[in-house]
Amino acid sequence: MLQPWRAGSSGRKAAGCRRRRGDLAAFGVREGGRLVGQEIRIHVPEKAEYILETLYGAGYEAYVVGGCVRDAILGREPEDWDITTSARPEQVKALFPRTVDTGLQHGTVTVMLGQEGFEVTTYRIDGKYEDSRHPVQVQFTPSLREDLKRRDLTINAMAYNRHQGLVDSFGGLADIQAGRIRCVGDAGERFGEDALRILRAIRFSAQLGYGIQEDTAEAIRRLAPALEKISKERIQAELVKLLCSPHPEVLRLAYDSGVTKVILPEFDRMMETAQNHPHHCYSVGEHTLRALCFVDPGRILRLAVLLHDIGKPDTLEVDGEGITHFHGHAQAGAAMAQNILERLRFDHDTIRRVCRLVLFHDYGNSLEPDLKAARRLLHKAGEGIVPDLFAVKRADIMAQSGLQRQEKLHRADCWQQLSEKVLEEKQCISLKDLAVTGKDLLGLGMKPGRELGVLLEGLLSLVLEDPSLNTREELLARAREMLAQT
């Protein structure tokens, strides 16, 4: 079984970068799945239970199904409670006063109870898939087993109601107990139907800390090129879930199986770029995988750490002693990060924030931290970069060799403390904080245009050096002196 790769245990590590196996003895720690002898009891929320009982009372079969069953068994709080039923869509609609036709062609009706919606889908058999994503048509079936049979992974192919208990036709419970990701039936068929399932399997491995069963892993390796057909938005969503999971290092499995070659080829180049330097002991890619485990699972932070050294392969230099250097990799990386994030259809704010972190992640490594330097940093990077920048810096340091680690961490702490002091004291770091405006300079006889902007930047530079100069009187006096010299 292909196991999730794990970072080494030395140093500080974000919680979760250790493999977690399924444990039946742990079920029921929180409200959710509860093992009673060999039976699972699941607490279904009142509204979902009402829908089940309404369908059941009308003579139809109905179960909660899929991810909510898996999560309840694991003692996790399900995000949604999806329902599958033998009732046809029109029969479901007839039983409930408020419904939304979410996807009638696929048998799905959303039942509205108050402000909450529950997807209710008729048992179905999927027809032929022609785009590696969607079936051309679906066929309704009276068989729950046939409906479960079409699903991707065994842990997602379980159903439950209080009358029949847990329906587990494909060994999902055993796979949870074994800590195993396995496809329902033939893995090649499942991934051939919908290539996004390849990423979902790897993502669930990362979220749960489970290994991937060998037949499923082999099918991932063989069919990874089919991900070319999947929309960038879908790839983005799965990549973010993987990165923000307790095991972001499982991205190593995506590389080993050829998945990143399709969805993030720049990462493959990182994995193949060595770092022969006293401050490093891993390739660029291995360093990145380890760094991901040393930062909290926020979307911006994990993306920034993933991409912080993306520019290194393009800036690689080797000196006469065989030592590798990557001068300018932060600047090159910021440009590459923007292209990658745009390609994966990320929103503008995410792109802006991540690229700033990539650009400035190395800032100050060769500077002595002081208030003046902190003001310069915040002027260039923007005040919103604190504290994320220093979280990225610490993750970067923790994934390097141990050389001067404590000194580097202390320097990062000093930079953060000084930056926070600048912000707390509301020191001037941008033109909006300057005590004079362009209107004030127009009052001195200046004309609108480039020269006015240059003069404002000159005044700001003086204030960055000495915040005590940031008064209207002082800056107007300095402006007159500058104008007299031109």
Protein backbone atom coordinates (compact mmCIF):
# COMPACT_ATOMS: atom_id res chain seq x y z
CA MET A 1 0.00 0.00 0.00
CA LEU A 2 1.35 3.42 -0.97
CA GLN A 3 1.76 5.34 2.30
CA PRO A 4 1.63 9.09 2.78
CA TRP A 5 5.17 10.49 2.83
CA ARG A 6 6.04 12.19 6.12
CA ALA A 7 8.50 14.93 7.01
CA GLY A 8 11.21 14.23 9.58
CA SER A 9 10.34 14.67 13.23
CA SER A 10 12.99 17.20 14.22
CA GLY A 11 12.16 20.81 15.06
CA ARG A 12 8.81 22.54 15.32
CA LYS A 13 6.10 21.11 13.14
CA ALA A 14 2.55 22.13 12.38
CA ALA A 15 0.06 19.80 14.02
CA GLY A 16 -1.15 16.98 11.81
CA CYS A 17 1.91 16.03 9.74
CA ARG A 18 1.80 12.50 11.06
CA ARG A 19 -0.08 9.57 9.62
CA ARG A 20 -3.43 8.81 11.25
CA ARG A 21 -4.98 5.39 10.74
CA GLY A 22 -8.64 4.55 11.12
CA ASP A 23 -9.40 3.32 14.62
CA LEU A 24 -12.76 1.70 15.34
CA ALA A 25 -12.08 1.91 19.05
CA ALA A 26 -12.00 5.70 18.74
CA PHE A 27 -15.43 5.97 17.11
CA GLY A 28 -18.02 7.86 19.12
CA VAL A 29 -15.55 10.21 20.83
CA ARG A 30 -17.70 13.00 19.44
CA GLU A 31 -21.33 12.87 18.48
CA GLY A 32 -21.44 10.90 15.27
CA GLY A 33 -20.61 7.27 14.54
CA ARG A 34 -20.88 4.96 17.55
CA LEU A 35 -19.79 1.33 17.49
CA VAL A 36 -22.30 -0.94 19.27
CA GLY A 37 -21.05 -4.51 19.06
CA GLN A 38 -20.61 -4.85 15.31
CA GLU A 39 -23.23 -2.21 14.48
CA ILE A 40 -22.66 1.44 13.72
CA ARG A 41 -25.09 3.97 15.11
CA ILE A 42 -25.05 7.41 13.52
CA HIS A 43 -26.75 10.48 14.90
CA VAL A 44 -28.55 12.01 11.91
CA PRO A 45 -29.62 15.66 12.38
CA GLU A 46 -33.31 16.25 12.95
CA LYS A 47 -34.05 17.80 9.56
CA ALA A 48 -32.24 15.09 7.60
CA GLU A 49 -33.99 12.46 9.71
CA TYR A 50 -37.35 14.10 8.91
CA ILE A 51 -36.66 13.76 5.18
CA LEU A 52 -35.65 10.11 5.58
CA GLU A 53 -38.76 9.30 7.59
CA THR A 54 -41.06 11.17 5.20
CA LEU A 55 -39.72 9.14 2.28
CA TYR A 56 -39.77 5.94 4.31
CA GLY A 57 -43.36 6.57 5.43
CA ALA A 58 -44.41 7.03 1.79
CA GLY A 59 -43.06 3.59 0.94
CA TYR A 60 -39.66 4.53 -0.47
CA GLU A 61 -36.16 3.60 0.62
CA ALA A 62 -33.98 6.49 1.81
CA TYR A 63 -30.52 6.77 3.36
CA VAL A 64 -27.95 9.39 4.21
CA VAL A 65 -25.01 8.58 1.98
CA GLY A 66 -21.42 9.28 1.11
CA GLY A 67 -19.17 11.74 2.87
CA CYS A 68 -21.54 12.47 5.74
CA VAL A 69 -21.59 8.78 6.69
CA ARG A 70 -17.81 8.56 6.47
CA ASP A 71 -17.33 11.68 8.59
CA ALA A 72 -19.90 10.64 11.18
CA ILE A 73 -18.15 7.29 11.62
CA LEU A 74 -14.86 9.12 12.08
CA GLY A 75 -16.39 11.42 14.68
CA ARG A 76 -16.08 14.45 12.39
CA GLU A 77 -18.84 17.00 11.84
CA PRO A 78 -20.22 16.48 8.30
CA GLU A 79 -20.54 19.62 6.19
CA ASP A 80 -23.59 18.29 4.32
CA TRP A 81 -26.06 15.48 4.79
CA ASP A 82 -26.80 14.07 1.34
CA ILE A 83 -29.68 11.65 0.89
CA THR A 84 -30.19 8.88 -1.65
CA THR A 85 -33.59 7.32 -2.28
CA SER A 86 -35.52 4.91 -4.46
CA ALA A 87 -38.08 7.69 -5.06
CA ARG A 88 -38.01 9.44 -8.43
CA PRO A 89 -37.45 13.23 -8.48
CA GLU A 90 -41.11 13.96 -9.17
CA GLN A 91 -42.09 11.71 -6.25
CA VAL A 92 -39.69 13.53 -3.94
CA LYS A 93 -41.09 16.88 -5.07
CA ALA A 94 -44.62 15.71 -4.32
CA LEU A 95 -43.74 14.93 -0.70
CA PHE A 96 -42.19 18.26 0.27
CA PRO A 97 -43.67 21.77 -0.10
CA ARG A 98 -40.39 23.56 -0.96
CA THR A 99 -37.92 22.01 -3.38
CA VAL A 100 -35.35 23.28 -5.87
CA ASP A 101 -34.65 21.48 -9.15
CA THR A 102 -30.90 21.24 -8.58
CA GLY A 103 -30.13 18.62 -11.22
CA LEU A 104 -33.20 16.78 -12.41
CA GLN A 105 -31.30 15.17 -15.29
CA HIS A 106 -29.15 13.42 -12.69
CA GLY A 107 -32.02 12.78 -10.32
CA THR A 108 -31.21 15.45 -7.75
CA VAL A 109 -33.77 17.62 -5.96
CA THR A 110 -32.87 19.96 -3.10
CA VAL A 111 -35.43 19.82 -0.30
CA MET A 112 -35.65 23.11 1.59
CA LEU A 113 -36.44 23.01 5.31
CA GLY A 114 -36.36 26.55 6.60
CA GLN A 115 -33.17 28.13 5.25
CA GLU A 116 -31.38 24.78 4.99
CA GLY A 117 -31.21 22.67 1.84
CA PHE A 118 -30.68 18.90 1.57
CA GLU A 119 -29.80 17.23 -1.73
CA VAL A 120 -31.99 14.19 -2.36
CA THR A 121 -30.88 12.03 -5.29
CA THR A 122 -32.59 9.03 -6.85
CA TYR A 123 -30.63 5.75 -6.99
CA ARG A 124 -28.95 5.77 -10.36
CA ILE A 125 -26.55 4.01 -12.71
CA ASP A 126 -24.24 6.28 -14.65
CA GLY A 127 -24.07 5.86 -18.39
CA LYS A 128 -20.98 6.20 -20.57
CA TYR A 129 -18.48 8.96 -19.69
CA GLU A 130 -17.19 10.81 -22.74
CA ASP A 131 -15.26 13.71 -21.20
CA SER A 132 -13.48 11.99 -18.29
CA ARG A 133 -15.81 13.88 -15.98
CA HIS A 134 -19.57 13.56 -16.60
CA PRO A 135 -21.83 10.70 -17.71
CA VAL A 136 -23.68 11.37 -20.95
CA GLN A 137 -26.85 10.06 -19.33
CA VAL A 138 -27.99 8.36 -16.13
CA GLN A 139 -30.45 5.55 -15.57
CA PHE A 140 -32.56 5.39 -12.43
CA THR A 141 -32.49 2.09 -10.58
CA PRO A 142 -34.40 0.57 -7.65
CA SER A 143 -31.14 -0.88 -6.27
CA LEU A 144 -29.14 0.89 -3.56
CA ARG A 145 -26.18 -1.39 -4.25
CA GLU A 146 -26.09 -0.30 -7.90
CA ASP A 147 -26.09 3.34 -6.77
CA LEU A 148 -23.25 2.77 -4.30
CA LYS A 149 -21.33 0.79 -6.92
CA ARG A 150 -20.87 3.86 -9.14
CA ARG A 151 -19.17 5.92 -6.40
CA ASP A 152 -15.46 6.64 -6.29
CA LEU A 153 -13.97 5.32 -3.04
CA THR A 154 -15.17 2.65 -0.64
CA ILE A 155 -15.11 5.10 2.29
CA ASN A 156 -17.54 7.28 0.31
CA ALA A 157 -19.81 4.40 -0.71
CA MET A 158 -21.62 3.73 2.57
CA ALA A 159 -25.25 4.54 3.38
CA TYR A 160 -27.21 4.63 6.63
CA ASN A 161 -30.68 4.88 8.08
CA ARG A 162 -31.96 3.90 11.49
CA HIS A 163 -34.07 1.06 10.12
CA GLN A 164 -31.40 -0.86 8.18
CA GLY A 165 -28.32 0.56 9.92
CA LEU A 166 -25.07 0.86 8.00
CA VAL A 167 -25.08 -0.43 4.42
CA ASP A 168 -21.45 -1.11 3.51
CA SER A 169 -21.40 -3.25 0.39
CA PHE A 170 -17.80 -2.52 -0.63
CA GLY A 171 -15.76 -2.63 2.57
CA GLY A 172 -15.59 1.06 3.43
CA LEU A 173 -15.63 0.40 7.17
CA ALA A 174 -12.76 -2.08 6.90
CA ASP A 175 -10.80 0.45 4.85
CA ILE A 176 -11.34 3.08 7.52
CA GLN A 177 -10.11 0.61 10.11
CA ALA A 178 -7.06 -0.19 7.98
CA GLY A 179 -6.37 3.46 7.08
CA ARG A 180 -6.71 2.68 3.39
CA ILE A 181 -7.87 4.60 0.29
CA ARG A 182 -9.36 2.16 -2.23
CA CYS A 183 -11.63 2.53 -5.23
CA VAL A 184 -15.02 0.86 -5.46
CA GLY A 185 -14.58 -2.03 -7.87
CA ASP A 186 -11.99 -1.60 -10.62
CA ALA A 187 -9.86 1.51 -10.01
CA GLY A 188 -9.08 1.92 -13.70
CA GLU A 189 -12.79 2.05 -14.50
CA ARG A 190 -13.53 4.55 -11.73
CA PHE A 191 -10.73 6.91 -12.78
CA GLY A 192 -11.51 6.38 -16.45
CA GLU A 193 -15.07 7.54 -15.81
CA ASP A 194 -14.01 10.69 -13.96
CA ALA A 195 -10.35 11.72 -13.86
CA LEU A 196 -11.01 14.18 -11.02
CA ARG A 197 -11.33 11.11 -8.80
CA ILE A 198 -7.54 10.74 -9.10
CA LEU A 199 -7.03 14.00 -7.27
CA ARG A 200 -9.83 13.18 -4.83
CA ALA A 201 -8.10 9.92 -3.85
CA ILE A 202 -4.84 11.73 -3.15
CA ARG A 203 -6.67 14.52 -1.32
CA PHE A 204 -8.48 12.06 0.94
CA SER A 205 -5.14 10.41 1.67
CA ALA A 206 -3.89 13.83 2.80
CA GLN A 207 -6.99 14.71 4.80
CA LEU A 208 -7.23 11.38 6.62
CA GLY A 209 -3.58 10.31 6.70
CA TYR A 210 -4.45 7.04 4.94
CA GLY A 211 -2.29 5.04 2.57
CA ILE A 212 -3.45 4.32 -0.99
CA GLN A 213 -4.12 0.68 -1.84
CA GLU A 214 -1.70 -0.56 -4.52
CA ASP A 215 -4.27 -1.29 -7.27
CA THR A 216 -5.70 2.19 -6.79
CA ALA A 217 -2.20 3.73 -6.75
CA GLU A 218 -1.25 1.89 -9.95
CA ALA A 219 -4.36 3.17 -11.69
CA ILE A 220 -3.50 6.72 -10.58
CA ARG A 221 -0.04 6.38 -12.14
CA ARG A 222 -1.45 4.96 -15.35
CA LEU A 223 -4.32 7.40 -15.82
CA ALA A 224 -2.83 10.64 -14.45
CA PRO A 225 -2.54 12.16 -17.98
CA ALA A 226 -6.37 12.21 -18.16
CA LEU A 227 -6.31 15.13 -15.69
CA GLU A 228 -5.57 17.32 -18.72
CA LYS A 229 -9.30 17.13 -19.45
CA ILE A 230 -10.36 18.43 -16.03
CA SER A 231 -11.21 22.11 -15.60
CA LYS A 232 -8.65 24.30 -13.86
CA GLU A 233 -11.26 25.37 -11.31
CA ARG A 234 -11.80 21.75 -10.22
CA ILE A 235 -8.05 21.13 -10.00
CA GLN A 236 -7.65 24.30 -7.96
CA ALA A 237 -10.31 23.20 -5.46
CA GLU A 238 -8.74 19.78 -4.92
CA LEU A 239 -5.21 21.19 -4.70
CA VAL A 240 -6.25 23.67 -2.01
CA LYS A 241 -8.00 20.95 0.00
CA LEU A 242 -4.85 18.83 -0.19
CA LEU A 243 -2.58 21.71 0.83
CA CYS A 244 -4.82 22.74 3.73
CA SER A 245 -5.13 19.17 5.02
CA PRO A 246 -3.29 17.76 8.05
CA HIS A 247 -0.90 16.07 5.60
CA PRO A 248 0.15 18.52 2.85
CA GLU A 249 3.30 16.43 2.36
CA VAL A 250 1.11 13.92 0.50
CA LEU A 251 1.80 16.15 -2.48
CA ARG A 252 4.86 13.87 -2.72
CA LEU A 253 2.51 11.06 -3.79
CA ALA A 254 1.10 13.30 -6.49
CA TYR A 255 4.63 13.81 -7.80
CA ASP A 256 5.57 10.13 -7.60
CA SER A 257 2.44 9.12 -9.50
CA GLY A 258 2.81 11.68 -12.29
CA VAL A 259 -0.09 13.87 -11.20
CA THR A 260 1.89 17.08 -10.63
CA LYS A 261 3.48 16.62 -14.06
CA VAL A 262 0.02 17.38 -15.41
CA ILE A 263 -1.44 19.88 -12.93
CA LEU A 264 1.71 21.62 -11.63
CA PRO A 265 4.76 20.78 -13.80
CA GLU A 266 6.76 23.53 -12.12
CA PHE A 267 6.73 21.45 -8.95
CA ASP A 268 8.38 18.55 -10.78
CA ARG A 269 11.26 20.84 -11.70
CA MET A 270 11.59 21.79 -8.03
CA MET A 271 11.75 18.13 -7.05
CA GLU A 272 14.51 17.62 -9.59
CA THR A 273 16.59 20.68 -8.59
CA ALA A 274 19.31 19.88 -6.07
CA GLN A 275 20.54 22.35 -3.44
CA ASN A 276 24.22 21.78 -2.70
CA HIS A 277 24.68 24.42 -0.03
CA PRO A 278 25.57 24.39 3.69
CA HIS A 279 22.18 25.91 4.56
CA HIS A 280 20.24 23.20 2.69
CA CYS A 281 20.08 19.43 2.81
CA TYR A 282 17.18 18.68 0.45
CA SER A 283 16.21 19.33 -3.13
CA VAL A 284 14.06 22.42 -3.69
CA GLY A 285 10.94 20.26 -3.86
CA GLU A 286 11.71 18.16 -0.78
CA HIS A 287 12.49 21.35 1.14
CA THR A 288 9.09 22.71 0.11
CA LEU A 289 7.25 19.55 1.20
CA ARG A 290 8.85 19.80 4.61
CA ALA A 291 8.19 23.53 4.88
CA LEU A 292 4.47 22.94 4.29
CA CYS A 293 4.35 20.99 7.56
CA PHE A 294 5.72 23.92 9.54
CA VAL A 295 2.98 26.42 8.72
CA ASP A 296 -0.64 26.57 9.82
CA PRO A 297 -3.21 25.24 7.33
CA GLY A 298 -4.43 28.56 5.97
CA ARG A 299 -5.10 28.80 2.24
CA ILE A 300 -2.82 31.81 1.66
CA LEU A 301 -0.02 30.48 3.86
CA ARG A 302 0.06 27.01 2.36
CA LEU A 303 -0.02 28.36 -1.21
CA ALA A 304 2.77 30.82 -0.40
CA VAL A 305 4.95 28.09 1.09
CA LEU A 306 4.23 25.80 -1.87
CA LEU A 307 5.39 28.51 -4.27
CA HIS A 308 8.02 30.37 -2.22
CA ASP A 309 10.96 28.70 -4.03
CA ILE A 310 9.22 28.08 -7.37
CA GLY A 311 11.74 30.42 -9.04
CA LYS A 312 14.83 28.46 -7.98
CA PRO A 313 15.10 26.07 -10.95
CA ASP A 314 15.18 29.06 -13.34
CA THR A 315 17.82 30.93 -11.33
CA LEU A 316 20.17 28.04 -10.54
CA GLU A 317 23.87 28.89 -10.62
CA VAL A 318 26.79 26.67 -9.58
CA ASP A 319 30.04 28.29 -8.46
CA GLY A 320 33.56 26.96 -8.89
CA GLU A 321 33.29 24.88 -5.73
CA GLY A 322 30.07 23.23 -6.84
CA ILE A 323 27.91 25.25 -4.44
CA THR A 324 24.45 26.09 -5.78
CA HIS A 325 23.07 29.65 -5.66
CA PHE A 326 19.67 31.06 -6.65
CA HIS A 327 20.16 34.82 -6.92
CA GLY A 328 16.91 36.63 -7.69
CA HIS A 329 14.75 33.56 -7.16
CA ALA A 330 12.18 35.48 -5.10
CA GLN A 331 11.55 37.97 -7.92
CA ALA A 332 11.43 35.22 -10.53
CA GLY A 333 9.23 33.15 -8.23
CA ALA A 334 6.70 35.93 -7.71
CA ALA A 335 6.24 36.24 -11.49
CA MET A 336 5.93 32.47 -11.87
CA ALA A 337 3.52 32.24 -8.95
CA GLN A 338 1.26 34.80 -10.60
CA ASN A 339 1.23 32.80 -13.84
CA ILE A 340 0.49 29.54 -12.02
CA LEU A 341 -2.28 30.98 -9.87
CA GLU A 342 -3.88 32.68 -12.86
CA ARG A 343 -3.69 29.43 -14.81
CA LEU A 344 -5.49 27.66 -11.96
CA ARG A 345 -8.16 30.39 -11.91
CA PHE A 346 -7.46 31.76 -8.42
CA ASP A 347 -9.13 35.05 -7.49
CA HIS A 348 -7.22 38.33 -7.72
CA ASP A 349 -6.89 38.87 -3.97
CA THR A 350 -5.38 35.43 -3.42
CA ILE A 351 -2.93 35.97 -6.28
CA ARG A 352 -1.89 39.37 -4.93
CA ARG A 353 -1.35 38.17 -1.36
CA VAL A 354 0.49 34.98 -2.27
CA CYS A 355 2.77 36.71 -4.76
CA ARG A 356 3.74 39.36 -2.20
CA LEU A 357 4.71 36.64 0.26
CA VAL A 358 6.77 34.86 -2.38
CA LEU A 359 8.48 38.12 -3.37
CA PHE A 360 9.44 39.11 0.17
CA HIS A 361 10.01 35.74 1.85
CA ASP A 362 13.81 36.23 1.71
CA TYR A 363 13.76 39.93 2.59
CA GLY A 364 16.03 40.90 5.47
CA ASN A 365 18.13 37.74 5.51
CA SER A 366 21.29 39.80 5.08
CA LEU A 367 20.10 42.96 6.88
CA GLU A 368 20.32 43.75 10.55
CA PRO A 369 16.75 44.23 11.78
CA ASP A 370 15.96 47.71 13.10
CA LEU A 371 12.98 50.05 13.01
CA LYS A 372 14.24 51.88 9.94
CA ALA A 373 14.60 48.61 8.02
CA ALA A 374 11.18 47.43 9.26
CA ARG A 375 9.58 50.63 7.95
CA ARG A 376 11.26 50.05 4.58
CA LEU A 377 9.97 46.48 4.49
CA LEU A 378 6.40 47.50 5.28
CA HIS A 379 6.58 50.33 2.75
CA LYS A 380 7.58 47.88 0.01
CA ALA A 381 5.43 44.93 1.02
CA GLY A 382 2.41 46.60 2.63
CA GLU A 383 1.25 46.42 6.22
CA GLY A 384 -1.11 43.52 5.49
CA ILE A 385 1.84 41.17 5.01
CA VAL A 386 2.30 40.83 8.79
CA PRO A 387 2.21 38.19 10.32
CA ASP A 388 1.97 35.83 7.33
CA LEU A 389 5.39 36.80 6.01
CA PHE A 390 7.11 35.70 9.20
CA ALA A 391 5.16 32.46 9.32
CA VAL A 392 6.47 31.69 5.82
CA LYS A 393 9.99 32.68 6.89
CA ARG A 394 9.92 30.34 9.89
CA ALA A 395 8.60 27.45 7.80
CA ASP A 396 11.37 28.08 5.27
CA ILE A 397 14.01 28.08 8.02
CA MET A 398 12.68 24.93 9.70
CA ALA A 399 12.92 22.99 6.42
CA GLN A 400 16.56 23.97 5.80
CA SER A 401 19.61 22.29 7.28
CA GLY A 402 20.20 22.89 10.96
CA LEU A 403 23.02 25.37 10.29
CA GLN A 404 22.41 28.58 12.31
CA ARG A 405 18.73 27.63 12.71
CA GLN A 406 18.28 29.30 16.08
CA GLU A 407 20.00 32.47 14.90
CA LYS A 408 17.74 32.58 11.83
CA LEU A 409 14.61 32.05 13.91
CA HIS A 410 15.71 34.77 16.33
CA ARG A 411 16.27 37.16 13.42
CA ALA A 412 12.77 36.41 12.08
CA ASP A 413 11.32 37.07 15.54
CA CYS A 414 13.14 40.41 15.70
CA TRP A 415 11.86 41.42 12.27
CA GLN A 416 8.30 40.58 13.28
CA GLN A 417 8.51 42.42 16.60
CA LEU A 418 9.91 45.54 14.95
CA SER A 419 7.30 45.42 12.17
CA GLU A 420 4.51 45.09 14.70
CA LYS A 421 5.93 48.02 16.66
CA VAL A 422 5.88 50.19 13.53
CA LEU A 423 2.25 49.28 12.93
CA GLU A 424 1.19 49.68 16.55
CA GLU A 425 2.74 53.16 16.69
CA LYS A 426 1.10 54.02 13.34
CA GLN A 427 4.42 55.18 11.93
CA CYS A 428 4.34 56.49 8.38
CA ILE A 429 5.05 53.76 5.81
CA SER A 430 3.10 54.98 2.77
CA LEU A 431 1.99 58.14 1.00
CA LYS A 432 -1.42 57.92 2.65
CA ASP A 433 0.29 58.30 6.04
CA LEU A 434 2.30 61.35 4.95
CA ALA A 435 1.43 64.62 6.69
CA VAL A 436 1.27 66.45 3.33
CA THR A 437 -0.58 65.67 0.12
CA GLY A 438 -0.28 66.56 -3.51
CA LYS A 439 -2.72 69.39 -2.89
CA ASP A 440 -0.30 70.91 -0.37
CA LEU A 441 2.49 70.81 -2.95
CA LEU A 442 0.26 72.43 -5.56
CA GLY A 443 -0.12 75.26 -3.06
CA LEU A 444 3.65 75.79 -3.31
CA GLY A 445 3.29 76.49 -7.01
CA MET A 446 3.97 73.03 -8.38
CA LYS A 447 2.15 71.79 -11.45
CA PRO A 448 0.35 68.41 -11.56
CA GLY A 449 2.51 65.73 -13.12
CA ARG A 450 5.43 63.40 -12.62
CA GLU A 451 7.57 65.91 -10.71
CA LEU A 452 4.92 66.23 -8.02
CA GLY A 453 4.87 62.46 -7.51
CA VAL A 454 8.67 62.32 -7.36
CA LEU A 455 8.72 65.04 -4.70
CA LEU A 456 6.12 63.19 -2.59
CA GLU A 457 8.19 60.02 -2.81
CA GLY A 458 11.26 62.00 -1.75
CA LEU A 459 9.44 63.33 1.31
CA LEU A 460 8.23 59.83 2.16
CA SER A 461 11.80 58.54 1.95
CA LEU A 462 12.88 61.17 4.50
CA VAL A 463 10.08 60.12 6.86
CA LEU A 464 10.93 56.43 6.51
CA GLU A 465 14.41 57.37 7.74
CA ASP A 466 13.14 59.64 10.52
CA PRO A 467 9.45 59.47 11.50
CA SER A 468 9.75 62.68 13.56
CA LEU A 469 9.85 64.63 10.28
CA ASN A 470 6.25 63.67 9.50
CA THR A 471 4.62 67.03 10.29
CA ARG A 472 3.03 69.38 7.80
CA GLU A 473 5.31 72.27 8.68
CA GLU A 474 8.50 70.24 8.48
CA LEU A 475 7.62 68.53 5.22
CA LEU A 476 6.53 71.76 3.52
CA ALA A 477 9.85 73.31 4.57
CA ARG A 478 11.72 70.33 3.12
CA ALA A 479 9.65 70.54 -0.06
CA ARG A 480 10.58 74.23 -0.50
CA GLU A 481 14.26 73.32 -0.09
CA MET A 482 13.96 70.58 -2.70
CA LEU A 483 12.18 72.90 -5.14
CA ALA A 484 14.83 75.56 -4.66
CA GLN A 485 17.51 73.06 -5.66
CA THR A 486 15.83 72.19 -8.96
